[in-house]
C-alpha atoms as a PDB file:
ATOM      1  CA  MET A   1       0.048  -0.153   0.346  1.00  0.00           C
ATOM      2  CA  GLU A   2       1.802   3.511  -0.867  1.00  0.00           C
ATOM      3  CA  THR A   3       2.165   4.834   2.234  1.00  0.00           C
ATOM      4  CA  SER A   4       1.828   9.662   2.565  1.00  0.00           C
ATOM      5  CA  GLN A   5       5.714   9.427   2.867  1.00  0.00           C
ATOM      6  CA  GLU A   6       5.541   8.171  -0.259  1.00  0.00           C
ATOM      7  CA  SER A   7       3.237   9.741  -2.589  1.00  0.00           C
ATOM      8  CA  VAL A   8       4.587  12.966  -1.699  1.00  0.00           C
ATOM      9  CA  ILE A   9       8.687  12.176  -2.127  1.00  0.00           C
ATOM     10  CA  LEU A  10       8.523  10.004  -5.076  1.00  0.00           C
ATOM     11  CA  PRO A  11       6.563  11.900  -7.590  1.00  0.00           C
ATOM     12  CA  ILE A  12       8.587  14.744  -6.736  1.00  0.00           C
ATOM     13  CA  LEU A  13      12.456  12.908  -7.130  1.00  0.00           C
ATOM     14  CA  PHE A  14      11.515  11.185 -10.093  1.00  0.00           C
ATOM     15  CA  GLU A  15      10.452  14.822 -11.815  1.00  0.00           C
ATOM     16  CA  HIS A  16      13.746  15.700 -10.864  1.00  0.00           C
ATOM     17  CA  ALA A  17      15.288  12.329 -12.312  1.00  0.00           C
ATOM     18  CA  CYS A  18      13.672  13.280 -15.601  1.00  0.00           C
ATOM     19  CA  LYS A  19      15.028  16.492 -15.394  1.00  0.00           C
ATOM     20  CA  LYS A  20      18.882  15.929 -14.513  1.00  0.00           C
ATOM     21  CA  GLU A  21      18.609  12.425 -16.191  1.00  0.00           C
ATOM     22  CA  PHE A  22      19.697  10.276 -13.476  1.00  0.00           C
ATOM     23  CA  ASN A  23      19.858   6.738 -14.856  1.00  0.00           C
ATOM     24  CA  GLY A  24      19.786   5.540 -10.839  1.00  0.00           C
ATOM     25  CA  VAL A  25      17.190   7.102  -9.401  1.00  0.00           C
ATOM     26  CA  LEU A  26      14.618   6.136 -12.013  1.00  0.00           C
ATOM     27  CA  GLN A  27      16.228   2.471 -12.367  1.00  0.00           C
ATOM     28  CA  ASN A  28      15.128   2.422  -8.349  1.00  0.00           C
ATOM     29  CA  VAL A  29      11.839   3.949  -8.845  1.00  0.00           C
ATOM     30  CA  LEU A  30      10.583   2.819 -12.004  1.00  0.00           C
ATOM     31  CA  GLN A  31      10.767  -0.513 -10.474  1.00  0.00           C
ATOM     32  CA  ASP A  32       6.941   0.438 -10.543  1.00  0.00           C
ATOM     33  CA  LYS A  33       5.905  -0.361 -14.058  1.00  0.00           C
ATOM     34  CA  ASP A  34       2.807   1.721 -13.152  1.00  0.00           C
ATOM     35  CA  LEU A  35       4.351   4.370 -11.807  1.00  0.00           C
ATOM     36  CA  ALA A  36       3.703   6.577 -15.116  1.00  0.00           C
ATOM     37  CA  SER A  37       0.232   6.744 -14.841  1.00  0.00           C
ATOM     38  CA  LYS A  38       0.367   7.663 -11.084  1.00  0.00           C
ATOM     39  CA  ILE A  39       2.179  10.397 -11.958  1.00  0.00           C
ATOM     40  CA  LEU A  40      -0.164  11.181 -15.133  1.00  0.00           C
ATOM     41  CA  LYS A  41      -2.786  11.673 -12.797  1.00  0.00           C
ATOM     42  CA  ASN A  42      -1.190  13.197 -10.430  1.00  0.00           C
ATOM     43  CA  SER A  43       0.094  15.932 -12.765  1.00  0.00           C
ATOM     44  CA  SER A  44      -0.365  19.590 -12.028  1.00  0.00           C
ATOM     45  CA  SER A  45      -2.829  19.353 -15.507  1.00  0.00           C
ATOM     46  CA  SER A  46      -5.725  16.770 -13.928  1.00  0.00           C
ATOM     47  CA  GLU A  47      -7.497  18.149 -11.143  1.00  0.00           C
ATOM     48  CA  SER A  48      -6.939  21.158  -8.774  1.00  0.00           C
ATOM     49  CA  GLU A  49      -4.545  21.098  -6.326  1.00  0.00           C
ATOM     50  CA  SER A  50      -4.599  20.658  -2.696  1.00  0.00           C
ATOM     51  CA  PRO A  51      -2.294  19.984   0.241  1.00  0.00           C
ATOM     52  CA  GLU A  52      -3.232  16.584   0.775  1.00  0.00           C
ATOM     53  CA  ASN A  53      -2.700  15.795  -2.828  1.00  0.00           C
ATOM     54  CA  PRO A  54       0.147  17.488  -4.282  1.00  0.00           C
ATOM     55  CA  LYS A  55       0.726  18.039  -7.877  1.00  0.00           C
ATOM     56  CA  ILE A  56       3.927  17.669 -10.279  1.00  0.00           C
ATOM     57  CA  ASN A  57       4.815  18.841 -13.490  1.00  0.00           C
ATOM     58  CA  PRO A  58       4.995  16.294 -15.852  1.00  0.00           C
ATOM     59  CA  VAL A  59       7.055  18.297 -17.933  1.00  0.00           C
ATOM     60  CA  PHE A  60      10.210  17.000 -17.505  1.00  0.00           C
ATOM     61  CA  MET A  61       9.323  13.636 -17.397  1.00  0.00           C
ATOM     62  CA  LEU A  62       7.491  14.176 -20.542  1.00  0.00           C
ATOM     63  CA  ILE A  63      11.025  15.656 -22.030  1.00  0.00           C
ATOM     64  CA  PHE A  64      12.632  12.383 -20.568  1.00  0.00           C
ATOM     65  CA  ILE A  65      10.715  10.645 -22.149  1.00  0.00           C
ATOM     66  CA  LEU A  66      10.466  11.398 -25.492  1.00  0.00           C
ATOM     67  CA  LYS A  67      14.468  11.919 -25.679  1.00  0.00           C
ATOM     68  CA  LYS A  68      14.129   8.051 -25.164  1.00  0.00           C
ATOM     69  CA  LEU A  69      11.397   7.813 -27.709  1.00  0.00           C
ATOM     70  CA  ASN A  70      13.502   9.251 -29.897  1.00  0.00           C
ATOM     71  CA  SER A  71      16.443   7.658 -30.213  1.00  0.00           C
ATOM     72  CA  ILE A  72      14.339   4.281 -30.542  1.00  0.00           C
ATOM     73  CA  GLU A  73      14.725   3.152 -34.387  1.00  0.00           C
ATOM     74  CA  ASN A  74      11.242   1.230 -34.174  1.00  0.00           C
ATOM     75  CA  PHE A  75       9.798   2.945 -31.375  1.00  0.00           C
ATOM     76  CA  GLU A  76       6.191   1.947 -32.723  1.00  0.00           C
ATOM     77  CA  LYS A  77       7.106  -1.337 -31.200  1.00  0.00           C
ATOM     78  CA  LEU A  78       6.711  -0.473 -27.924  1.00  0.00           C
ATOM     79  CA  SER A  79       5.051  -3.364 -25.623  1.00  0.00           C
ATOM     80  CA  ASN A  80       2.192  -1.754 -23.930  1.00  0.00           C
ATOM     81  CA  ASN A  81       2.816  -3.405 -20.586  1.00  0.00           C
ATOM     82  CA  SER A  82       6.452  -1.185 -20.856  1.00  0.00           C
ATOM     83  CA  ASP A  83       7.519   1.963 -18.286  1.00  0.00           C
ATOM     84  CA  VAL A  84       7.467   4.124 -21.621  1.00  0.00           C
ATOM     85  CA  SER A  85       4.578   3.232 -23.648  1.00  0.00           C
ATOM     86  CA  LEU A  86       2.798   4.604 -26.892  1.00  0.00           C
ATOM     87  CA  PRO A  87      -0.777   4.996 -24.877  1.00  0.00           C
ATOM     88  CA  THR A  88       1.646   6.566 -21.529  1.00  0.00           C
ATOM     89  CA  ILE A  89       3.617   9.327 -23.940  1.00  0.00           C
ATOM     90  CA  ILE A  90       0.157   9.847 -25.873  1.00  0.00           C
ATOM     91  CA  ASP A  91      -1.413  10.784 -22.874  1.00  0.00           C
ATOM     92  CA  LEU A  92       1.110  12.852 -21.028  1.00  0.00           C
ATOM     93  CA  LEU A  93       1.677  15.024 -24.414  1.00  0.00           C
ATOM     94  CA  GLU A  94      -1.791  15.569 -24.769  1.00  0.00           C
ATOM     95  CA  SER A  95      -2.509  16.534 -20.805  1.00  0.00           C
ATOM     96  CA  THR A  96       0.862  19.425 -21.308  1.00  0.00           C
ATOM     97  CA  TYR A  97       0.103  20.713 -24.195  1.00  0.00           C
ATOM     98  CA  LYS A  98      -3.774  21.884 -22.790  1.00  0.00           C
ATOM     99  CA  GLN A  99      -1.586  23.654 -20.235  1.00  0.00           C
ATOM    100  CA  TYR A 100       1.498  24.733 -22.456  1.00  0.00           C
ATOM    101  CA  SER A 101       0.417  24.636 -25.863  1.00  0.00           C
ATOM    102  CA  PHE A 102       4.585  23.610 -26.228  1.00  0.00           C
ATOM    103  CA  ILE A 103       3.768  24.057 -30.519  1.00  0.00           C
ATOM    104  CA  SER A 104       1.583  24.760 -32.901  1.00  0.00           C
ATOM    105  CA  CYS A 105      -1.977  23.348 -33.193  1.00  0.00           C
ATOM    106  CA  LYS A 106      -1.297  21.901 -36.381  1.00  0.00           C
ATOM    107  CA  LYS A 107       2.605  20.393 -35.797  1.00  0.00           C
ATOM    108  CA  TYR A 108       0.440  19.138 -32.534  1.00  0.00           C
ATOM    109  CA  PHE A 109      -2.364  17.108 -34.229  1.00  0.00           C
ATOM    110  CA  ILE A 110      -1.074  16.143 -36.834  1.00  0.00           C
ATOM    111  CA  LEU A 111       1.878  14.440 -33.979  1.00  0.00           C
ATOM    112  CA  MET A 112      -0.589  13.204 -31.918  1.00  0.00           C
ATOM    113  CA  SER A 113      -2.774  11.813 -35.476  1.00  0.00           C
ATOM    114  CA  GLU A 114       0.487   9.912 -36.497  1.00  0.00           C
ATOM    115  CA  LEU A 115       1.262   8.665 -33.142  1.00  0.00           C
ATOM    116  CA  ARG A 116      -2.353   6.717 -32.533  1.00  0.00           C
ATOM    117  CA  LEU A 117      -2.045   5.229 -35.744  1.00  0.00           C
ATOM    118  CA  LEU A 118       1.661   4.337 -35.056  1.00  0.00           C
ATOM    119  CA  ASP A 119      -0.330   2.524 -31.655  1.00  0.00           C
ATOM    120  CA  MET A 120      -3.058   1.346 -33.462  1.00  0.00           C
ATOM    121  CA  ILE A 121      -1.767  -0.499 -36.719  1.00  0.00           C
ATOM    122  CA  ASN A 122       0.112  -2.230 -34.307  1.00  0.00           C
ATOM    123  CA  TYR A 123      -2.811  -3.884 -33.016  1.00  0.00           C
ATOM    124  CA  VAL A 124      -4.272  -4.657 -36.586  1.00  0.00           C
ATOM    125  CA  VAL A 125      -0.757  -6.306 -37.345  1.00  0.00           C
ATOM    126  CA  ASP A 126      -0.842  -8.569 -34.357  1.00  0.00           C
ATOM    127  CA  ASP A 127      -4.426  -9.342 -35.555  1.00  0.00           C
ATOM    128  CA  SER A 128      -5.836  -8.420 -32.394  1.00  0.00           C
ATOM    129  CA  ASP A 129      -9.429  -9.137 -31.824  1.00  0.00           C
ATOM    130  CA  PRO A 130     -11.933  -6.868 -32.548  1.00  0.00           C
ATOM    131  CA  PRO A 131     -13.357  -5.592 -29.224  1.00  0.00           C
ATOM    132  CA  LEU A 132      -9.638  -4.791 -28.440  1.00  0.00           C
ATOM    133  CA  ILE A 133      -9.301  -2.861 -31.407  1.00  0.00           C
ATOM    134  CA  ILE A 134     -12.737  -1.075 -31.400  1.00  0.00           C
ATOM    135  CA  GLN A 135     -11.919  -0.075 -27.484  1.00  0.00           C
ATOM    136  CA  LYS A 136      -8.468   1.653 -28.641  1.00  0.00           C
ATOM    137  CA  LEU A 137     -10.065   2.741 -31.937  1.00  0.00           C
ATOM    138  CA  ASN A 138     -12.760   4.969 -29.928  1.00  0.00           C
ATOM    139  CA  LEU A 139      -9.888   6.044 -27.300  1.00  0.00           C
ATOM    140  CA  HIS A 140      -7.875   7.400 -30.499  1.00  0.00           C
ATOM    141  CA  PHE A 141     -10.100   8.285 -33.046  1.00  0.00           C
ATOM    142  CA  PRO A 142     -13.597   8.490 -31.709  1.00  0.00           C
ATOM    143  CA  HIS A 143     -16.503   9.271 -34.009  1.00  0.00           C
ATOM    144  CA  TRP A 144     -16.882  12.649 -34.066  1.00  0.00           C
ATOM    145  CA  ASN A 145     -20.364  14.480 -33.154  1.00  0.00           C
ATOM    146  CA  ALA A 146     -21.343  17.574 -31.969  1.00  0.00           C
ATOM    147  CA  ALA A 147     -20.737  17.003 -28.320  1.00  0.00           C
ATOM    148  CA  TYR A 148     -17.218  15.277 -28.573  1.00  0.00           C
ATOM    149  CA  ARG A 149     -16.456  18.795 -31.759  1.00  0.00           C
ATOM    150  CA  THR A 150     -17.375  20.966 -28.640  1.00  0.00           C
ATOM    151  CA  ASN A 151     -15.302  19.371 -26.159  1.00  0.00           C
ATOM    152  CA  ILE A 152     -12.184  19.246 -28.536  1.00  0.00           C
ATOM    153  CA  ALA A 153     -12.959  23.173 -29.607  1.00  0.00           C
ATOM    154  CA  LYS A 154     -12.874  23.995 -25.274  1.00  0.00           C
ATOM    155  CA  SER A 155     -10.020  21.603 -24.488  1.00  0.00           C
ATOM    156  CA  PHE A 156      -8.092  23.174 -27.107  1.00  0.00           C
ATOM    157  CA  GLN A 157      -9.183  26.907 -27.410  1.00  0.00           C
ATOM    158  CA  ILE A 158      -9.489  26.199 -30.596  1.00  0.00           C
ATOM    159  CA  GLU A 159     -11.990  29.111 -32.155  1.00  0.00           C
ATOM    160  CA  ASN A 160     -11.615  28.951 -35.783  1.00  0.00           C
ATOM    161  CA  SER A 161     -14.343  26.165 -37.773  1.00  0.00           C
ATOM    162  CA  LYS A 162     -12.035  25.786 -40.592  1.00  0.00           C
ATOM    163  CA  ILE A 163      -9.252  24.181 -38.053  1.00  0.00           C
ATOM    164  CA  LEU A 164     -11.760  21.842 -36.652  1.00  0.00           C
ATOM    165  CA  GLY A 165     -13.201  20.666 -39.703  1.00  0.00           C
ATOM    166  CA  LYS A 166      -9.657  19.999 -40.906  1.00  0.00           C
ATOM    167  CA  VAL A 167      -9.032  17.305 -37.523  1.00  0.00           C
ATOM    168  CA  GLU A 168     -12.367  15.898 -38.145  1.00  0.00           C
ATOM    169  CA  GLU A 169     -11.598  15.192 -41.861  1.00  0.00           C
ATOM    170  CA  SER A 170      -8.398  14.006 -40.488  1.00  0.00           C
ATOM    171  CA  HIS A 171      -9.715  11.631 -37.465  1.00  0.00           C
ATOM    172  CA  THR A 172     -12.431  10.369 -40.045  1.00  0.00           C
ATOM    173  CA  GLN A 173      -9.792   9.155 -42.197  1.00  0.00           C
ATOM    174  CA  CYS A 174      -7.666   7.217 -39.978  1.00  0.00           C
ATOM    175  CA  ARG A 175     -10.752   5.957 -38.247  1.00  0.00           C
ATOM    176  CA  ARG A 176     -12.290   4.435 -41.992  1.00  0.00           C
ATOM    177  CA  LEU A 177      -8.652   3.351 -42.702  1.00  0.00           C
ATOM    178  CA  ILE A 178      -8.405   1.100 -39.461  1.00  0.00           C
ATOM    179  CA  LEU A 179     -11.664  -0.766 -39.450  1.00  0.00           C
ATOM    180  CA  ARG A 180     -11.046  -1.660 -43.102  1.00  0.00           C
ATOM    181  CA  LEU A 181      -7.835  -3.072 -42.437  1.00  0.00           C
ATOM    182  CA  ALA A 182      -9.191  -4.524 -39.302  1.00  0.00           C
ATOM    183  CA  MET A 183     -12.515  -5.963 -41.222  1.00  0.00           C
ATOM    184  CA  ASP A 184     -10.925  -7.271 -44.837  1.00  0.00           C
ATOM    185  CA  LYS A 185      -8.981  -9.317 -44.793  1.00  0.00           C
ATOM    186  CA  SER A 186      -7.786  -9.114 -48.251  1.00  0.00           C
ATOM    187  CA  TYR A 187      -7.446  -5.763 -47.802  1.00  0.00           C
ATOM    188  CA  ARG A 188      -4.945  -6.043 -45.393  1.00  0.00           C
ATOM    189  CA  LYS A 189      -3.007  -8.706 -46.902  1.00  0.00           C
ATOM    190  CA  LYS A 190      -2.150  -6.733 -49.599  1.00  0.00           C
ATOM    191  CA  TYR A 191      -1.992  -3.258 -47.931  1.00  0.00           C
ATOM    192  CA  LEU A 192       1.139  -5.070 -45.578  1.00  0.00           C
ATOM    193  CA  SER A 193       2.679  -6.203 -48.396  1.00  0.00           C
ATOM    194  CA  GLU A 194       2.486  -3.196 -50.473  1.00  0.00           C
ATOM    195  CA  GLN A 195       2.775  -0.277 -48.389  1.00  0.00           C
ATOM    196  CA  TYR A 196       2.910  -0.735 -45.332  1.00  0.00           C
ATOM    197  CA  SER A 197       6.985  -0.715 -44.692  1.00  0.00           C
ATOM    198  CA  ASN A 198       6.517   2.359 -46.520  1.00  0.00           C
ATOM    199  CA  ASP A 199       3.745   3.981 -44.660  1.00  0.00           C
ATOM    200  CA  ILE A 200       5.683   2.884 -41.253  1.00  0.00           C
ATOM    201  CA  SER A 201       8.754   4.891 -42.551  1.00  0.00           C
ATOM    202  CA  ARG A 202       7.402   7.993 -43.469  1.00  0.00           C
ATOM    203  CA  LEU A 203       5.352   7.908 -40.302  1.00  0.00           C
ATOM    204  CA  ARG A 204       8.102   7.491 -38.220  1.00  0.00           C
ATOM    205  CA  ARG A 205      10.816  10.156 -39.656  1.00  0.00           C
ATOM    206  CA  GLU A 206       7.502  12.791 -39.416  1.00  0.00           C
ATOM    207  CA  SER A 207       7.134  12.012 -35.903  1.00  0.00           C
ATOM    208  CA  LYS A 208      11.001  12.270 -35.286  1.00  0.00           C
ATOM    209  CA  VAL A 209      11.514  15.400 -36.707  1.00  0.00           C
ATOM    210  CA  TYR A 210       8.067  16.796 -34.668  1.00  0.00           C
ATOM    211  CA  LEU A 211       9.434  14.900 -31.627  1.00  0.00           C
ATOM    212  CA  SER A 212      12.612  16.959 -32.001  1.00  0.00           C
ATOM    213  CA  GLU A 213      10.779  20.018 -31.434  1.00  0.00           C
ATOM    214  CA  VAL A 214       8.688  19.720 -29.024  1.00  0.00           C
ATOM    215  CA  ILE A 215      11.408  18.710 -26.841  1.00  0.00           C
ATOM    216  CA  ALA A 216      13.190  21.951 -27.774  1.00  0.00           C
ATOM    217  CA  ASP A 217       9.855  24.080 -26.912  1.00  0.00           C
ATOM    218  CA  LEU A 218       9.122  22.062 -23.668  1.00  0.00           C
ATOM    219  CA  GLU A 219      12.898  22.417 -22.868  1.00  0.00           C
ATOM    220  CA  SER A 220      12.966  26.498 -23.123  1.00  0.00           C
ATOM    221  CA  CYS A 221       9.816  26.892 -21.280  1.00  0.00           C
ATOM    222  CA  ALA A 222      10.353  24.076 -18.384  1.00  0.00           C
ATOM    223  CA  GLY A 223      11.813  26.366 -15.391  1.00  0.00           C
ATOM    224  CA  ASN A 224      12.987  24.104 -11.875  1.00  0.00           C
ATOM    225  CA  SER A 225      11.863  21.113 -10.899  1.00  0.00           C
ATOM    226  CA  SER A 226       9.897  21.082  -7.843  1.00  0.00           C
ATOM    227  CA  LEU A 227      12.346  19.301  -5.768  1.00  0.00           C
ATOM    228  CA  GLU A 228      15.105  22.579  -6.667  1.00  0.00           C
ATOM    229  CA  LYS A 229      12.105  25.047  -6.029  1.00  0.00           C
ATOM    230  CA  ILE A 230      11.004  23.696  -2.305  1.00  0.00           C
ATOM    231  CA  VAL A 231      15.584  23.556  -1.784  1.00  0.00           C
ATOM    232  CA  ASN A 232      15.986  26.849  -3.120  1.00  0.00           C
ATOM    233  CA  GLY A 233      13.106  28.482  -1.237  1.00  0.00           C
ATOM    234  CA  GLU A 234      10.929  29.174  -4.671  1.00  0.00           C
ATOM    235  CA  GLN A 235       7.908  27.495  -3.844  1.00  0.00           C
ATOM    236  CA  ILE A 236       6.674  26.613  -0.141  1.00  0.00           C
ATOM    237  CA  ASN A 237       3.955  23.670  -0.220  1.00  0.00           C
ATOM    238  CA  SER A 238       3.036  22.884   3.327  1.00  0.00           C
ATOM    239  CA  SER A 239       2.062  19.187   2.283  1.00  0.00           C
ATOM    240  CA  THR A 240       5.664  19.283   1.443  1.00  0.00           C
ATOM    241  CA  SER A 241       7.277  21.290   4.176  1.00  0.00           C
ATOM    242  CA  ASN A 242       5.333  19.382   6.751  1.00  0.00           C
ATOM    243  CA  ASP A 243       6.137  15.539   5.493  1.00  0.00           C
ATOM    244  CA  LEU A 244       8.758  13.586   7.711  1.00  0.00           C
ATOM    245  CA  GLY A 245      10.191  11.836   4.763  1.00  0.00           C
ATOM    246  CA  PHE A 246      10.652  15.197   2.785  1.00  0.00           C
ATOM    247  CA  GLN A 247      12.373  16.340   5.807  1.00  0.00           C
ATOM    248  CA  LEU A 248      14.937  12.990   6.314  1.00  0.00           C
ATOM    249  CA  LEU A 249      15.640  13.788   2.091  1.00  0.00           C
ATOM    250  CA  LEU A 250      16.836  17.109   2.509  1.00  0.00           C
ATOM    251  CA  ASP A 251      19.995  16.087   4.906  1.00  0.00           C
ATOM    252  CA  TYR A 252      20.249  14.031   1.831  1.00  0.00           C
ATOM    253  CA  ILE A 253      21.208  16.266  -0.911  1.00  0.00           C
ATOM    254  CA  GLN A 254      23.551  18.787   0.959  1.00  0.00           C
ATOM    255  CA  PRO A 255      25.438  20.214  -0.217  1.00  0.00           C
ATOM    256  CA  GLU A 256      23.687  19.153  -4.057  1.00  0.00           C
ATOM    257  CA  ILE A 257      21.225  16.948  -5.293  1.00  0.00           C
ATOM    258  CA  SER A 258      22.631  14.371  -6.955  1.00  0.00           C
ATOM    259  CA  ASP A 259      21.951  10.519  -8.254  1.00  0.00           C
ATOM    260  CA  GLU A 260      24.211   8.801  -5.753  1.00  0.00           C
ATOM    261  CA  ALA A 261      22.733  10.898  -2.960  1.00  0.00           C
ATOM    262  CA  LEU A 262      18.975  10.407  -4.073  1.00  0.00           C
ATOM    263  CA  VAL A 263      19.779   6.849  -4.880  1.00  0.00           C
ATOM    264  CA  LYS A 264      21.697   6.806  -1.253  1.00  0.00           C
ATOM    265  CA  PHE A 265      18.375   8.253   0.320  1.00  0.00           C
ATOM    266  CA  LEU A 266      15.480   6.204  -1.374  1.00  0.00           C
ATOM    267  CA  ASP A 267      17.236   2.804  -0.524  1.00  0.00           C
ATOM    268  CA  ASP A 268      17.956   3.987   3.019  1.00  0.00           C
ATOM    269  CA  PHE A 269      14.294   5.102   2.819  1.00  0.00           C
ATOM    270  CA  GLU A 270      11.589   1.813   2.110  1.00  0.00           C
ATOM    271  CA  PRO A 271      13.058   0.158   5.059  1.00  0.00           C
ATOM    272  CA  MET A 272      12.566   3.089   7.446  1.00  0.00           C
ATOM    273  CA  LEU A 273       9.024   2.990   6.465  1.00  0.00           C
ATOM    274  CA  CYS A 274       8.232  -0.550   8.069  1.00  0.00           C
ATOM    275  CA  SER A 275      10.800  -0.431  10.778  1.00  0.00           C
ATOM    276  CA  GLN A 276      11.865   1.134  14.166  1.00  0.00           C
ATOM    277  CA  PRO A 277      14.222   4.226  14.385  1.00  0.00           C
ATOM    278  CA  ALA A 278      18.032   3.138  14.650  1.00  0.00           C
ATOM    279  CA  THR A 279      18.984   4.624  17.056  1.00  0.00           C
ATOM    280  CA  ASP A 280      17.924   5.957  20.500  1.00  0.00           C
ATOM    281  CA  LEU A 281      18.312   8.792  22.793  1.00  0.00           C
ATOM    282  CA  SER A 282      21.003   7.902  24.259  1.00  0.00           C
ATOM    283  CA  SER A 283      23.375   6.562  20.614  1.00  0.00           C
ATOM    284  CA  CYS A 284      22.222  10.433  19.159  1.00  0.00           C
ATOM    285  CA  LEU A 285      24.210  12.223  22.337  1.00  0.00           C
ATOM    286  CA  LEU A 286      26.946   9.066  22.318  1.00  0.00           C
ATOM    287  CA  PRO A 287      29.797  11.339  19.940  1.00  0.00           C
ATOM    288  CA  MET A 288      29.753  14.326  22.914  1.00  0.00           C
ATOM    289  CA  ASP A 289      29.138  11.863  25.328  1.00  0.00           C
ATOM    290  CA  THR A 290      32.970   9.728  24.344  1.00  0.00           C
ATOM    291  CA  MET A 291      34.323  13.520  24.594  1.00  0.00           C
ATOM    292  CA  SER A 292      36.797  14.076  27.261  1.00  0.00           C
ATOM    293  CA  GLU A 293      37.314  16.618  29.446  1.00  0.00           C
ATOM    294  CA  SER A 294      40.825  16.377  28.539  1.00  0.00           C
ATOM    295  CA  ASP A 295      39.822  16.872  25.024  1.00  0.00           C
ATOM    296  CA  SER A 296      37.757  19.599  25.566  1.00  0.00           C
ATOM    297  CA  GLU A 297      40.224  21.622  27.595  1.00  0.00           C
ATOM    298  CA  SER A 298      43.336  20.678  24.880  1.00  0.00           C
ATOM    299  CA  SER A 299      40.528  22.382  22.173  1.00  0.00           C
ATOM    300  CA  GLU A 300      40.792  25.354  24.988  1.00  0.00           C
ATOM    301  CA  ASP A 301      44.383  25.769  25.316  1.00  0.00           C
ATOM    302  CA  GLU A 302      44.948  25.021  21.378  1.00  0.00           C
ATOM    303  CA  GLU A 303      42.359  28.325  21.006  1.00  0.00           C
ATOM    304  CA  ASN A 304      43.983  30.519  23.336  1.00  0.00           C
ATOM    305  CA  SER A 305      47.392  29.540  22.051  1.00  0.00           C
ATOM    306  CA  GLU A 306      45.872  31.070  18.686  1.00  0.00           C
ATOM    307  CA  ASP A 307      44.789  34.248  20.542  1.00  0.00           C
ATOM    308  CA  ASP A 308      48.283  34.562  21.443  1.00  0.00           C
ATOM    309  CA  GLU A 309      50.155  34.329  18.176  1.00  0.00           C
ATOM    310  CA  SER A 310      47.392  36.377  17.183  1.00  0.00           C
ATOM    311  CA  SER A 311      48.081  38.713  19.329  1.00  0.00           C
ATOM    312  CA  LYS A 312      52.086  38.671  19.274  1.00  0.00           C
ATOM    313  CA  ASP A 313      52.035  39.135  15.596  1.00  0.00           C
ATOM    314  CA  ALA A 314      49.833  42.271  16.307  1.00  0.00           C
ATOM    315  CA  CYS A 315      52.208  43.409  18.329  1.00  0.00           C
ATOM    316  CA  ILE A 316      55.355  43.428  15.791  1.00  0.00           C
ATOM    317  CA  GLY A 317      53.400  44.483  12.630  1.00  0.00           C
END
């Protein structure tokens, strides 16, 4: 079960690790394969923030994931069970775009349509069951009606009816292509043998160009991570500042926030949630208890000697 300390700390650490590409922290945290979706639900673009449910900025996670995606040759084949899958990336892109509008509306809808097509074609090529194809199709390319059109216009603040019309036309064509490929086996066989390879190569190539633009635009407006803001005093969040685990974290990241320090914290942090304190009060005072009176007197004598020498030097000067 996720503790309150984990719910506050892990997303913040993961966000900062994405910004700095701290592979040690990422490998540690991503042992939980479902973390990306958890963080998406807790991102600042979802429901309004509350002290009990602090939100984090998904931009750094999105940048990291897009860089990883862009470095993979056949990224359309990413498993949906992996920590970085096309559906997760599509969700993050959509939620972040609604908040930042990091590229033009035209480029955004083209990129999203290309990524959704790449994901949908996988299900067709794998000969998935019709109910699964329909479920994914309605998620990526829903049937347009008045209510959906209004929702798109409101969500993406589109006032130009021509733009809406073009998006609807493109989505409808994508939907019809997937339906025909799924329904008509002879057409699918011909398409896979004659067009599939060229279409996938073109989609992948164009997507990578847009992804590079998105990464550059996001990096230019990202700013500091939540962890940096808190450490620098830029952001005061009562639920974070009052969290015991976060106060412990502050001891690990002095004088700087490093991958090694955060990994050490994570390694120490999990046992602390379920264990007794490592020391008692007497142990905390032990370093001073072991200091002898002679040590104290010796220290005072050294200080007095240094003062005398300084006085002599001053007189000579």
